[in-house]
Amino acid sequence: MPVKRNVGQQSWTDADDAPELTDAYFKRAAVYDGETLTRSGKLGRPRSVAPKRLVSLRIDPAVLTSFRATGAGWQTRISAVLKNHLIRLRRKKAAARVTSLRAQRKKRT
């Protein structure tokens, strides 16, 4: 049986012993306008500068089974594989451009 935490219980009995109400306390507080929550008191994770996007993608069953077999985080691993593939393509294209430029220079001389 799970142990109950002392959530919501005060650690003080006398109002003089109450914790000081600092700016940090009010920043973490939940703000209500009547019954409506206008700002959550949760600080949470900051918003990402480049959040990931939800897409629908058809993947070969063997590939999907292989990635799922690796356990939790398989979607992240698929994303990493795709990102690494793009990096390799960019490098390959850059190398082809350099080779092409060198060939053009050779023709001129």
N, C-alpha and C. Protein backbone atom coordinates (compact mmCIF):
# COMPACT_ATOMS: atom_id res chain seq x y z
N MET A 1 0.84 -1.18 0.00
CA MET A 1 0.00 0.00 0.00
C MET A 1 0.89 1.24 0.00
N PRO A 2 0.60 2.21 -0.89
CA PRO A 2 1.43 3.40 -0.96
C PRO A 2 1.33 4.24 0.32
N VAL A 3 2.43 4.87 0.64
CA VAL A 3 2.48 5.72 1.82
C VAL A 3 1.92 7.09 1.46
N LYS A 4 1.06 7.63 2.31
CA LYS A 4 0.50 8.97 2.07
C LYS A 4 1.53 10.02 2.41
N ARG A 5 1.62 11.00 1.54
CA ARG A 5 2.50 12.14 1.82
C ARG A 5 1.69 13.19 2.57
N ASN A 6 2.38 14.06 3.25
CA ASN A 6 1.73 15.12 4.00
C ASN A 6 1.46 16.32 3.10
N VAL A 7 0.80 16.08 2.00
CA VAL A 7 0.51 17.15 1.05
C VAL A 7 -0.61 18.02 1.62
N GLY A 8 -0.39 19.30 1.59
CA GLY A 8 -1.42 20.23 2.04
C GLY A 8 -1.46 20.43 3.55
N GLN A 9 -0.69 19.67 4.30
CA GLN A 9 -0.68 19.85 5.75
C GLN A 9 0.32 20.94 6.11
N GLN A 10 -0.05 21.75 7.03
CA GLN A 10 0.81 22.85 7.45
C GLN A 10 1.85 22.35 8.45
N SER A 11 3.07 22.90 8.34
CA SER A 11 4.12 22.54 9.29
C SER A 11 4.17 23.54 10.44
N TRP A 12 3.17 24.41 10.51
CA TRP A 12 3.14 25.41 11.56
C TRP A 12 1.71 25.50 12.10
N THR A 13 1.57 25.92 13.34
CA THR A 13 0.25 26.05 13.96
C THR A 13 -0.07 27.49 14.31
N ASP A 14 0.93 28.27 14.60
CA ASP A 14 0.74 29.67 14.96
C ASP A 14 1.02 30.54 13.73
N ALA A 15 0.20 31.53 13.49
CA ALA A 15 0.37 32.41 12.33
C ALA A 15 1.73 33.10 12.34
N ASP A 16 2.30 33.33 13.50
CA ASP A 16 3.62 33.96 13.58
C ASP A 16 4.72 33.03 13.06
N ASP A 17 4.44 31.71 13.04
CA ASP A 17 5.41 30.74 12.57
C ASP A 17 5.28 30.46 11.08
N ALA A 18 4.31 31.09 10.43
CA ALA A 18 4.06 30.84 9.00
C ALA A 18 5.28 31.28 8.18
N PRO A 19 5.52 30.62 7.05
CA PRO A 19 6.66 31.02 6.22
C PRO A 19 6.46 32.43 5.65
N GLU A 20 7.59 33.08 5.37
CA GLU A 20 7.55 34.43 4.81
C GLU A 20 7.02 34.37 3.37
N LEU A 21 6.15 35.30 3.02
CA LEU A 21 5.59 35.35 1.67
C LEU A 21 6.49 36.22 0.80
N THR A 22 7.38 35.54 0.08
CA THR A 22 8.36 36.23 -0.76
C THR A 22 7.85 36.34 -2.19
N ASP A 23 8.60 37.07 -3.03
CA ASP A 23 8.27 37.16 -4.46
C ASP A 23 8.30 35.79 -5.11
N ALA A 24 9.26 34.97 -4.72
CA ALA A 24 9.37 33.62 -5.28
C ALA A 24 8.12 32.80 -4.94
N TYR A 25 7.59 32.97 -3.75
CA TYR A 25 6.37 32.25 -3.35
C TYR A 25 5.21 32.63 -4.27
N PHE A 26 5.07 33.90 -4.56
CA PHE A 26 3.95 34.35 -5.40
C PHE A 26 4.14 33.98 -6.87
N LYS A 27 5.39 33.86 -7.32
CA LYS A 27 5.64 33.42 -8.69
C LYS A 27 5.21 31.98 -8.90
N ARG A 28 5.33 31.16 -7.84
CA ARG A 28 4.95 29.75 -7.94
C ARG A 28 3.46 29.52 -7.66
N ALA A 29 2.75 30.54 -7.23
CA ALA A 29 1.36 30.37 -6.84
C ALA A 29 0.43 30.22 -8.04
N ALA A 30 -0.62 29.42 -7.87
CA ALA A 30 -1.66 29.30 -8.89
C ALA A 30 -2.58 30.52 -8.75
N VAL A 31 -2.94 31.12 -9.88
CA VAL A 31 -3.76 32.32 -9.86
C VAL A 31 -5.14 31.99 -10.43
N TYR A 32 -6.18 32.34 -9.67
CA TYR A 32 -7.56 32.08 -10.09
C TYR A 32 -8.30 33.38 -10.27
N ASP A 33 -9.21 33.41 -11.27
CA ASP A 33 -10.15 34.49 -11.45
C ASP A 33 -11.51 33.87 -11.21
N GLY A 34 -11.98 33.96 -9.97
CA GLY A 34 -13.20 33.24 -9.59
C GLY A 34 -12.90 31.75 -9.56
N GLU A 35 -13.60 30.96 -10.38
CA GLU A 35 -13.39 29.52 -10.45
C GLU A 35 -12.40 29.13 -11.54
N THR A 36 -11.98 30.10 -12.35
CA THR A 36 -11.14 29.82 -13.51
C THR A 36 -9.66 29.97 -13.18
N LEU A 37 -8.87 28.94 -13.49
CA LEU A 37 -7.43 29.00 -13.30
C LEU A 37 -6.85 29.82 -14.44
N THR A 38 -6.22 30.96 -14.12
CA THR A 38 -5.66 31.82 -15.15
C THR A 38 -4.17 31.57 -15.36
N ARG A 39 -3.47 31.13 -14.32
CA ARG A 39 -2.04 30.81 -14.44
C ARG A 39 -1.73 29.71 -13.47
N SER A 40 -1.14 28.65 -13.99
CA SER A 40 -0.77 27.52 -13.14
C SER A 40 0.44 27.90 -12.30
N GLY A 41 0.51 27.39 -11.13
CA GLY A 41 1.64 27.64 -10.25
C GLY A 41 2.84 26.79 -10.60
N LYS A 42 2.67 25.88 -11.55
CA LYS A 42 3.78 25.00 -11.92
C LYS A 42 4.78 25.77 -12.77
N LEU A 43 6.03 25.68 -12.37
CA LEU A 43 7.06 26.33 -13.17
C LEU A 43 7.38 25.46 -14.37
N GLY A 44 7.55 24.18 -14.17
CA GLY A 44 7.71 23.22 -15.25
C GLY A 44 8.90 23.47 -16.15
N ARG A 45 8.89 22.74 -17.23
CA ARG A 45 9.95 22.82 -18.22
C ARG A 45 9.73 24.05 -19.09
N PRO A 46 10.80 24.77 -19.40
CA PRO A 46 10.64 25.93 -20.28
C PRO A 46 10.25 25.49 -21.69
N ARG A 47 9.53 26.35 -22.39
CA ARG A 47 9.13 26.03 -23.76
C ARG A 47 10.36 25.91 -24.64
N SER A 48 10.32 24.93 -25.52
CA SER A 48 11.43 24.69 -26.43
C SER A 48 11.44 25.76 -27.52
N VAL A 49 12.64 26.15 -27.92
CA VAL A 49 12.80 27.11 -29.01
C VAL A 49 12.35 26.47 -30.32
N ALA A 50 12.66 25.18 -30.48
CA ALA A 50 12.28 24.45 -31.69
C ALA A 50 11.53 23.18 -31.29
N PRO A 51 10.25 23.30 -30.94
CA PRO A 51 9.50 22.12 -30.49
C PRO A 51 9.33 21.10 -31.61
N LYS A 52 9.30 19.84 -31.21
CA LYS A 52 9.09 18.78 -32.20
C LYS A 52 7.65 18.82 -32.67
N ARG A 53 7.43 18.33 -33.89
CA ARG A 53 6.09 18.38 -34.48
C ARG A 53 5.54 16.98 -34.62
N LEU A 54 4.25 16.84 -34.41
CA LEU A 54 3.57 15.58 -34.55
C LEU A 54 3.25 15.34 -36.01
N VAL A 55 3.69 14.19 -36.55
CA VAL A 55 3.42 13.84 -37.94
C VAL A 55 2.94 12.39 -38.01
N SER A 56 2.29 12.08 -39.09
CA SER A 56 1.89 10.70 -39.35
C SER A 56 2.82 10.17 -40.42
N LEU A 57 3.44 9.03 -40.17
CA LEU A 57 4.46 8.51 -41.07
C LEU A 57 4.26 7.01 -41.23
N ARG A 58 4.27 6.54 -42.46
CA ARG A 58 4.15 5.10 -42.73
C ARG A 58 5.55 4.50 -42.77
N ILE A 59 5.78 3.53 -41.89
CA ILE A 59 7.09 2.91 -41.77
C ILE A 59 6.95 1.41 -42.04
N ASP A 60 7.94 0.85 -42.69
CA ASP A 60 7.97 -0.57 -42.97
C ASP A 60 7.82 -1.35 -41.66
N PRO A 61 6.98 -2.40 -41.64
CA PRO A 61 6.74 -3.16 -40.40
C PRO A 61 8.02 -3.71 -39.75
N ALA A 62 8.96 -4.17 -40.56
CA ALA A 62 10.20 -4.72 -40.00
C ALA A 62 11.01 -3.64 -39.29
N VAL A 63 11.04 -2.45 -39.87
CA VAL A 63 11.76 -1.33 -39.26
C VAL A 63 11.09 -0.94 -37.95
N LEU A 64 9.77 -0.83 -37.98
CA LEU A 64 9.03 -0.46 -36.78
C LEU A 64 9.22 -1.48 -35.67
N THR A 65 9.14 -2.76 -36.01
CA THR A 65 9.31 -3.82 -35.01
C THR A 65 10.71 -3.76 -34.41
N SER A 66 11.71 -3.53 -35.26
CA SER A 66 13.09 -3.46 -34.78
C SER A 66 13.29 -2.30 -33.80
N PHE A 67 12.76 -1.13 -34.14
CA PHE A 67 12.92 0.02 -33.24
C PHE A 67 12.14 -0.17 -31.95
N ARG A 68 10.91 -0.69 -32.05
CA ARG A 68 10.12 -0.90 -30.83
C ARG A 68 10.78 -1.92 -29.91
N ALA A 69 11.47 -2.89 -30.48
CA ALA A 69 12.13 -3.92 -29.68
C ALA A 69 13.27 -3.35 -28.84
N THR A 70 13.75 -2.17 -29.20
CA THR A 70 14.84 -1.55 -28.44
C THR A 70 14.35 -0.92 -27.14
N GLY A 71 13.04 -0.86 -26.94
CA GLY A 71 12.49 -0.36 -25.68
C GLY A 71 12.05 1.09 -25.75
N ALA A 72 11.84 1.64 -24.56
CA ALA A 72 11.34 3.01 -24.45
C ALA A 72 12.29 3.98 -25.15
N GLY A 73 11.73 4.98 -25.78
CA GLY A 73 12.51 5.99 -26.48
C GLY A 73 12.77 5.64 -27.93
N TRP A 74 12.05 4.65 -28.46
CA TRP A 74 12.28 4.23 -29.85
C TRP A 74 11.97 5.34 -30.84
N GLN A 75 10.97 6.18 -30.53
CA GLN A 75 10.65 7.28 -31.45
C GLN A 75 11.81 8.27 -31.51
N THR A 76 12.43 8.53 -30.37
CA THR A 76 13.58 9.44 -30.33
C THR A 76 14.74 8.87 -31.13
N ARG A 77 14.93 7.55 -31.05
CA ARG A 77 16.01 6.92 -31.81
C ARG A 77 15.74 7.00 -33.32
N ILE A 78 14.48 6.84 -33.72
CA ILE A 78 14.15 7.00 -35.15
C ILE A 78 14.47 8.42 -35.59
N SER A 79 14.12 9.39 -34.77
CA SER A 79 14.41 10.79 -35.09
C SER A 79 15.91 11.01 -35.22
N ALA A 80 16.69 10.41 -34.33
CA ALA A 80 18.15 10.57 -34.36
C ALA A 80 18.73 9.95 -35.64
N VAL A 81 18.21 8.78 -36.04
CA VAL A 81 18.69 8.14 -37.26
C VAL A 81 18.40 9.02 -38.47
N LEU A 82 17.19 9.59 -38.54
CA LEU A 82 16.83 10.46 -39.65
C LEU A 82 17.69 11.72 -39.66
N LYS A 83 17.95 12.29 -38.49
CA LYS A 83 18.78 13.49 -38.40
C LYS A 83 20.21 13.19 -38.85
N ASN A 84 20.76 12.05 -38.43
CA ASN A 84 22.11 11.67 -38.85
C ASN A 84 22.17 11.45 -40.35
N HIS A 85 21.12 10.89 -40.93
CA HIS A 85 21.06 10.69 -42.37
C HIS A 85 21.12 12.04 -43.10
N LEU A 86 20.37 13.02 -42.61
CA LEU A 86 20.40 14.35 -43.22
C LEU A 86 21.79 14.98 -43.13
N ILE A 87 22.46 14.80 -42.00
CA ILE A 87 23.81 15.34 -41.84
C ILE A 87 24.75 14.72 -42.86
N ARG A 88 24.66 13.39 -43.04
CA ARG A 88 25.51 12.71 -44.02
C ARG A 88 25.22 13.20 -45.44
N LEU A 89 23.93 13.40 -45.75
CA LEU A 89 23.58 13.91 -47.09
C LEU A 89 24.17 15.28 -47.33
N ARG A 90 24.09 16.15 -46.32
CA ARG A 90 24.65 17.50 -46.46
C ARG A 90 26.15 17.45 -46.69
N ARG A 91 26.84 16.58 -45.93
CA ARG A 91 28.28 16.45 -46.10
C ARG A 91 28.62 15.94 -47.50
N LYS A 92 27.83 14.97 -47.95
CA LYS A 92 28.05 14.39 -49.28
C LYS A 92 27.87 15.45 -50.37
N LYS A 93 26.81 16.26 -50.23
CA LYS A 93 26.56 17.33 -51.20
C LYS A 93 27.68 18.36 -51.17
N ALA A 94 28.14 18.71 -49.97
CA ALA A 94 29.22 19.70 -49.85
C ALA A 94 30.50 19.15 -50.48
N ALA A 95 30.79 17.87 -50.26
CA ALA A 95 31.98 17.26 -50.84
C ALA A 95 31.87 17.24 -52.37
N ALA A 96 30.67 16.96 -52.89
CA ALA A 96 30.46 16.94 -54.34
C ALA A 96 30.68 18.33 -54.93
N ARG A 97 30.22 19.38 -54.21
CA ARG A 97 30.42 20.74 -54.67
C ARG A 97 31.90 21.09 -54.74
N VAL A 98 32.64 20.70 -53.71
CA VAL A 98 34.08 20.97 -53.67
C VAL A 98 34.77 20.26 -54.82
N THR A 99 34.42 19.01 -55.05
CA THR A 99 35.00 18.24 -56.15
C THR A 99 34.68 18.90 -57.49
N SER A 100 33.46 19.34 -57.64
CA SER A 100 33.04 20.00 -58.88
C SER A 100 33.82 21.30 -59.10
N LEU A 101 33.98 22.09 -58.05
CA LEU A 101 34.73 23.34 -58.15
C LEU A 101 36.18 23.08 -58.50
N ARG A 102 36.77 22.06 -57.91
CA ARG A 102 38.16 21.72 -58.22
C ARG A 102 38.30 21.30 -59.68
N ALA A 103 37.33 20.53 -60.18
CA ALA A 103 37.37 20.09 -61.57
C ALA A 103 37.25 21.29 -62.51
N GLN A 104 36.38 22.26 -62.15
CA GLN A 104 36.24 23.46 -62.98
C GLN A 104 37.52 24.26 -63.00
N ARG A 105 38.18 24.38 -61.87
CA ARG A 105 39.43 25.13 -61.79
C ARG A 105 40.52 24.46 -62.63
N LYS A 106 40.53 23.13 -62.59
CA LYS A 106 41.51 22.39 -63.38
C LYS A 106 41.33 22.63 -64.86
N LYS A 107 40.08 22.69 -65.30
CA LYS A 107 39.78 22.92 -66.72
C LYS A 107 40.26 24.29 -67.15
N ARG A 108 40.16 25.29 -66.27
CA ARG A 108 40.55 26.65 -66.60
C ARG A 108 42.05 26.79 -66.76
N THR A 109 42.80 25.99 -66.01
CA THR A 109 44.25 26.13 -66.06
C THR A 109 44.90 25.23 -67.06
